[in-house]
Structure formats: C-alpha cells, structure tokens
Amino acid sequence: MRVAHHAIDVVASPDECWRALADLGSWPRWFPFLRSARSLDGATANDPWRVGGRMKLVFGLGPIRVPVTTVVQEIEPPHKVRWLGKGFGVSGDHAYTIEVRAKDATRVTSHEEFTGLGARFMTEGIFQRIDSEAHRSMERFKAWVERKTVP
C-alpha cells in the first residue's frame, strides 16, 4: 500500500472550504494532475455529493491519461467526503476532511491509500510524482479558496 497524506490550513470557514471542494468544475484549476472532473449521476455540480454518488476523474501525467470512476462512500458536509476509485490496476481510497483549527483557520486534509496490483508495481519515482502533485494541489486549493486564484 502507498499513502499520500497532506494537510493545509486555509484562512476561510469550513463552509467556504466545502463549497470550493464540492465545485467539481474548479478542480482542474487547483489540482494540476487532474485534467477533468465530472459527475456521472446528473447535470448539476451537487449530484455526486451523496453516498453512492459517482464521479469520473481523468488524471494526466504528460501524454498518459488515467480515467478513474469513483463512488462516494461517506459524506458529512462540510466536514468529510470519502470515495473509492479504480484505474490502471490501482484502487484508491481517498478522503478530504475539513476541521476548524483556530478562529480564522480551517485544516483541510487529503488522505489517499493506493492498493492493488498496479500500486505494487508503482515505481518510487511515479509515486513521488503523485505525492508531490497531491501536496501542490493542497497549496493551490488554499490559494483558490482564499483568493479565488491559483499561483
């Protein structure tokens, strides 16, 4: 199993962080490894945000595209969402948690566990790239929420 775990404090309320996280259309702006994100259950942005809700995420590493279909397992707006997804022989269990850290700061944590045959053959270099992109996405998420811009 491989684990990518990153957290960042955002100067915003948990509700503001949740609204930004729940906006699938904004994900490629703050998650540079992600090429597209969309609901598979309907036309509105809120459709995947329920237990059983499905999303299609397409990740890119150079010219390689990895489509992943996810299914929401747990959801407690504005505090947590967790989903399972599979792509290229890798199973991912991903959660975002949102919690108040201080009066003006909200901690947003991304935690993903990679398992399956594909994860066993994932080289250290590939995993480091994924982990680095996950860290970078948290920094960009903070910038997106705080200023609605990304660096």
C-alpha atoms as a PDB file:
ATOM      1  CA  MET A   1       0.000   0.000   0.000  1.00  0.00           C
ATOM      2  CA  ARG A   2       1.116   3.542  -0.782  1.00  0.00           C
ATOM      3  CA  VAL A   3      -0.231   6.548   1.148  1.00  0.00           C
ATOM      4  CA  ALA A   4      -0.315  10.211   0.150  1.00  0.00           C
ATOM      5  CA  HIS A   5      -1.322  12.393   3.105  1.00  0.00           C
ATOM      6  CA  HIS A   6      -1.253  16.190   3.055  1.00  0.00           C
ATOM      7  CA  ALA A   7      -2.886  18.895   5.144  1.00  0.00           C
ATOM      8  CA  ILE A   8      -3.003  22.666   4.927  1.00  0.00           C
ATOM      9  CA  ASP A   9      -4.545  25.468   6.957  1.00  0.00           C
ATOM     10  CA  VAL A  10      -6.854  27.731   4.972  1.00  0.00           C
ATOM     11  CA  VAL A  11      -7.977  31.181   6.120  1.00  0.00           C
ATOM     12  CA  ALA A  12     -11.660  30.518   5.476  1.00  0.00           C
ATOM     13  CA  SER A  13     -14.618  28.882   7.157  1.00  0.00           C
ATOM     14  CA  PRO A  14     -15.307  25.154   6.827  1.00  0.00           C
ATOM     15  CA  ASP A  15     -18.364  26.044   4.713  1.00  0.00           C
ATOM     16  CA  GLU A  16     -16.225  28.086   2.282  1.00  0.00           C
ATOM     17  CA  CYS A  17     -13.732  25.223   2.008  1.00  0.00           C
ATOM     18  CA  TRP A  18     -16.555  22.736   1.425  1.00  0.00           C
ATOM     19  CA  ARG A  19     -18.129  24.887  -1.302  1.00  0.00           C
ATOM     20  CA  ALA A  20     -14.790  25.055  -3.121  1.00  0.00           C
ATOM     21  CA  LEU A  21     -14.232  21.312  -2.739  1.00  0.00           C
ATOM     22  CA  ALA A  22     -17.762  20.483  -3.912  1.00  0.00           C
ATOM     23  CA  ASP A  23     -17.313  22.566  -7.098  1.00  0.00           C
ATOM     24  CA  LEU A  24     -16.086  19.850  -9.487  1.00  0.00           C
ATOM     25  CA  GLY A  25     -15.609  22.372 -12.272  1.00  0.00           C
ATOM     26  CA  SER A  26     -12.872  24.133 -10.290  1.00  0.00           C
ATOM     27  CA  TRP A  27     -10.808  21.014  -9.560  1.00  0.00           C
ATOM     28  CA  PRO A  28      -8.510  21.158 -12.620  1.00  0.00           C
ATOM     29  CA  ARG A  29      -7.621  24.744 -11.635  1.00  0.00           C
ATOM     30  CA  TRP A  30      -6.256  23.758  -8.228  1.00  0.00           C
ATOM     31  CA  PHE A  31      -5.329  20.091  -8.819  1.00  0.00           C
ATOM     32  CA  PRO A  32      -2.726  20.291 -11.612  1.00  0.00           C
ATOM     33  CA  PHE A  33      -2.511  16.486 -12.093  1.00  0.00           C
ATOM     34  CA  LEU A  34      -6.254  16.360 -12.802  1.00  0.00           C
ATOM     35  CA  ARG A  35      -7.400  17.039 -16.365  1.00  0.00           C
ATOM     36  CA  SER A  36     -11.175  16.839 -15.790  1.00  0.00           C
ATOM     37  CA  ALA A  37     -13.776  16.026 -13.135  1.00  0.00           C
ATOM     38  CA  ARG A  38     -17.474  15.471 -13.663  1.00  0.00           C
ATOM     39  CA  SER A  39     -20.500  13.880 -12.071  1.00  0.00           C
ATOM     40  CA  LEU A  40     -21.754  10.653 -13.617  1.00  0.00           C
ATOM     41  CA  ASP A  41     -25.136  10.973 -11.935  1.00  0.00           C
ATOM     42  CA  GLY A  42     -26.651  14.134 -13.310  1.00  0.00           C
ATOM     43  CA  ALA A  43     -26.235  17.569 -14.711  1.00  0.00           C
ATOM     44  CA  THR A  44     -25.669  19.633 -11.562  1.00  0.00           C
ATOM     45  CA  ALA A  45     -22.488  20.054  -9.561  1.00  0.00           C
ATOM     46  CA  ASN A  46     -24.103  18.625  -6.401  1.00  0.00           C
ATOM     47  CA  ASP A  47     -25.135  15.327  -7.965  1.00  0.00           C
ATOM     48  CA  PRO A  48     -22.129  13.264  -6.845  1.00  0.00           C
ATOM     49  CA  TRP A  49     -22.213  14.612  -3.270  1.00  0.00           C
ATOM     50  CA  ARG A  50     -24.179  11.800  -1.638  1.00  0.00           C
ATOM     51  CA  VAL A  51     -23.391   8.231  -0.615  1.00  0.00           C
ATOM     52  CA  GLY A  52     -23.307   6.251  -3.855  1.00  0.00           C
ATOM     53  CA  GLY A  53     -22.653   9.374  -5.950  1.00  0.00           C
ATOM     54  CA  ARG A  54     -20.279   8.760  -8.847  1.00  0.00           C
ATOM     55  CA  MET A  55     -17.632  10.949 -10.450  1.00  0.00           C
ATOM     56  CA  LYS A  56     -15.288  10.482 -13.378  1.00  0.00           C
ATOM     57  CA  LEU A  57     -11.843  11.916 -12.766  1.00  0.00           C
ATOM     58  CA  VAL A  58      -9.217  11.956 -15.514  1.00  0.00           C
ATOM     59  CA  PHE A  59      -5.644  12.303 -14.316  1.00  0.00           C
ATOM     60  CA  GLY A  60      -2.745  13.129 -16.576  1.00  0.00           C
ATOM     61  CA  LEU A  61       0.960  12.529 -16.389  1.00  0.00           C
ATOM     62  CA  GLY A  62       2.377  14.025 -19.556  1.00  0.00           C
ATOM     63  CA  PRO A  63       0.646  12.319 -22.508  1.00  0.00           C
ATOM     64  CA  ILE A  64      -0.731   9.478 -20.333  1.00  0.00           C
ATOM     65  CA  ARG A  65      -4.367   9.835 -19.259  1.00  0.00           C
ATOM     66  CA  VAL A  66      -5.787   7.736 -16.422  1.00  0.00           C
ATOM     67  CA  PRO A  67      -9.598   7.751 -16.151  1.00  0.00           C
ATOM     68  CA  VAL A  68     -10.910   6.846 -12.712  1.00  0.00           C
ATOM     69  CA  THR A  69     -14.536   6.293 -11.761  1.00  0.00           C
ATOM     70  CA  THR A  70     -15.187   6.993  -8.090  1.00  0.00           C
ATOM     71  CA  VAL A  71     -18.084   6.185  -5.784  1.00  0.00           C
ATOM     72  CA  VAL A  72     -18.749   8.250  -2.652  1.00  0.00           C
ATOM     73  CA  GLN A  73     -18.682   6.058   0.465  1.00  0.00           C
ATOM     74  CA  GLU A  74     -19.088   8.642   3.228  1.00  0.00           C
ATOM     75  CA  ILE A  75     -20.162  12.258   3.236  1.00  0.00           C
ATOM     76  CA  GLU A  76     -20.703  14.727   6.072  1.00  0.00           C
ATOM     77  CA  PRO A  77     -20.802  18.276   4.630  1.00  0.00           C
ATOM     78  CA  PRO A  78     -18.890  20.418   5.429  1.00  0.00           C
ATOM     79  CA  HIS A  79     -16.546  18.055   7.288  1.00  0.00           C
ATOM     80  CA  LYS A  80     -15.768  14.962   5.245  1.00  0.00           C
ATOM     81  CA  VAL A  81     -16.107  13.145   1.955  1.00  0.00           C
ATOM     82  CA  ARG A  82     -14.557   9.770   1.164  1.00  0.00           C
ATOM     83  CA  TRP A  83     -14.696   7.820  -2.083  1.00  0.00           C
ATOM     84  CA  LEU A  84     -13.276   4.700  -3.683  1.00  0.00           C
ATOM     85  CA  GLY A  85     -11.944   4.614  -7.219  1.00  0.00           C
ATOM     86  CA  LYS A  86     -10.077   2.337  -9.622  1.00  0.00           C
ATOM     87  CA  GLY A  87      -7.877   2.869 -12.645  1.00  0.00           C
ATOM     88  CA  PHE A  88      -4.980   1.016 -14.328  1.00  0.00           C
ATOM     89  CA  GLY A  89      -4.971  -1.735 -11.692  1.00  0.00           C
ATOM     90  CA  VAL A  90      -4.766   0.740  -8.804  1.00  0.00           C
ATOM     91  CA  SER A  91      -7.518   1.072  -6.203  1.00  0.00           C
ATOM     92  CA  GLY A  92      -7.698   4.363  -4.355  1.00  0.00           C
ATOM     93  CA  ASP A  93      -9.439   5.177  -1.091  1.00  0.00           C
ATOM     94  CA  HIS A  94      -9.479   8.982  -0.890  1.00  0.00           C
ATOM     95  CA  ALA A  95     -10.826  11.269   1.816  1.00  0.00           C
ATOM     96  CA  TYR A  96     -10.924  15.005   2.294  1.00  0.00           C
ATOM     97  CA  THR A  97     -11.564  16.173   5.831  1.00  0.00           C
ATOM     98  CA  ILE A  98     -12.275  19.737   6.887  1.00  0.00           C
ATOM     99  CA  GLU A  99     -11.945  20.865  10.509  1.00  0.00           C
ATOM    100  CA  VAL A 100     -11.644  24.115  12.427  1.00  0.00           C
ATOM    101  CA  ARG A 101      -8.063  24.647  13.641  1.00  0.00           C
ATOM    102  CA  ALA A 102      -8.309  28.143  15.062  1.00  0.00           C
ATOM    103  CA  LYS A 103     -10.684  31.078  14.974  1.00  0.00           C
ATOM    104  CA  ASP A 104      -9.665  32.046  11.433  1.00  0.00           C
ATOM    105  CA  ALA A 105      -8.199  28.805  10.108  1.00  0.00           C
ATOM    106  CA  THR A 106      -9.642  25.596   8.743  1.00  0.00           C
ATOM    107  CA  ARG A 107      -7.490  22.490   8.302  1.00  0.00           C
ATOM    108  CA  VAL A 108      -8.134  20.686   5.015  1.00  0.00           C
ATOM    109  CA  THR A 109      -6.603  17.210   4.802  1.00  0.00           C
ATOM    110  CA  SER A 110      -6.271  14.961   1.769  1.00  0.00           C
ATOM    111  CA  HIS A 111      -5.580  11.292   2.510  1.00  0.00           C
ATOM    112  CA  GLU A 112      -5.322   8.624  -0.182  1.00  0.00           C
ATOM    113  CA  GLU A 113      -4.365   4.980   0.092  1.00  0.00           C
ATOM    114  CA  PHE A 114      -3.348   3.174  -3.092  1.00  0.00           C
ATOM    115  CA  THR A 115      -3.666  -0.617  -3.239  1.00  0.00           C
ATOM    116  CA  GLY A 116      -3.985  -3.305  -5.886  1.00  0.00           C
ATOM    117  CA  LEU A 117      -1.668  -4.874  -8.429  1.00  0.00           C
ATOM    118  CA  GLY A 118      -0.927  -1.532 -10.090  1.00  0.00           C
ATOM    119  CA  ALA A 119       0.092   0.015  -6.762  1.00  0.00           C
ATOM    120  CA  ARG A 120       2.521  -2.855  -6.100  1.00  0.00           C
ATOM    121  CA  PHE A 121       4.276  -2.145  -9.385  1.00  0.00           C
ATOM    122  CA  MET A 122       4.240   1.638  -8.980  1.00  0.00           C
ATOM    123  CA  THR A 123       7.860   2.800  -9.024  1.00  0.00           C
ATOM    124  CA  GLU A 124       9.158   5.109  -6.329  1.00  0.00           C
ATOM    125  CA  GLY A 125       9.591   7.839  -8.955  1.00  0.00           C
ATOM    126  CA  ILE A 126       5.959   7.602 -10.076  1.00  0.00           C
ATOM    127  CA  PHE A 127       4.698   7.601  -6.500  1.00  0.00           C
ATOM    128  CA  GLN A 128       6.882  10.598  -5.616  1.00  0.00           C
ATOM    129  CA  ARG A 129       5.403  12.477  -8.581  1.00  0.00           C
ATOM    130  CA  ILE A 130       1.856  11.623  -7.442  1.00  0.00           C
ATOM    131  CA  ASP A 131       2.664  12.603  -3.860  1.00  0.00           C
ATOM    132  CA  SER A 132       4.279  15.867  -4.985  1.00  0.00           C
ATOM    133  CA  GLU A 133       1.254  16.739  -7.131  1.00  0.00           C
ATOM    134  CA  ALA A 134      -1.073  15.985  -4.193  1.00  0.00           C
ATOM    135  CA  HIS A 135       0.963  18.347  -1.986  1.00  0.00           C
ATOM    136  CA  ARG A 136       0.940  21.013  -4.684  1.00  0.00           C
ATOM    137  CA  SER A 137      -2.822  20.635  -5.083  1.00  0.00           C
ATOM    138  CA  MET A 138      -3.333  21.462  -1.402  1.00  0.00           C
ATOM    139  CA  GLU A 139      -1.293  24.658  -1.779  1.00  0.00           C
ATOM    140  CA  ARG A 140      -3.308  25.606  -4.848  1.00  0.00           C
ATOM    141  CA  PHE A 141      -6.593  24.737  -3.091  1.00  0.00           C
ATOM    142  CA  LYS A 142      -5.641  27.161  -0.297  1.00  0.00           C
ATOM    143  CA  ALA A 143      -4.904  29.892  -2.853  1.00  0.00           C
ATOM    144  CA  TRP A 144      -8.171  29.143  -4.683  1.00  0.00           C
ATOM    145  CA  VAL A 145     -10.298  29.383  -1.539  1.00  0.00           C
ATOM    146  CA  GLU A 146      -8.543  32.393  -0.050  1.00  0.00           C
ATOM    147  CA  ARG A 147      -8.290  34.466  -3.238  1.00  0.00           C
ATOM    148  CA  LYS A 148     -10.225  32.518  -5.890  1.00  0.00           C
ATOM    149  CA  THR A 149      -6.964  32.424  -7.848  1.00  0.00           C
ATOM    150  CA  VAL A 150      -4.163  29.925  -8.136  1.00  0.00           C
ATOM    151  CA  PRO A 151      -0.429  30.555  -8.402  1.00  0.00           C
END
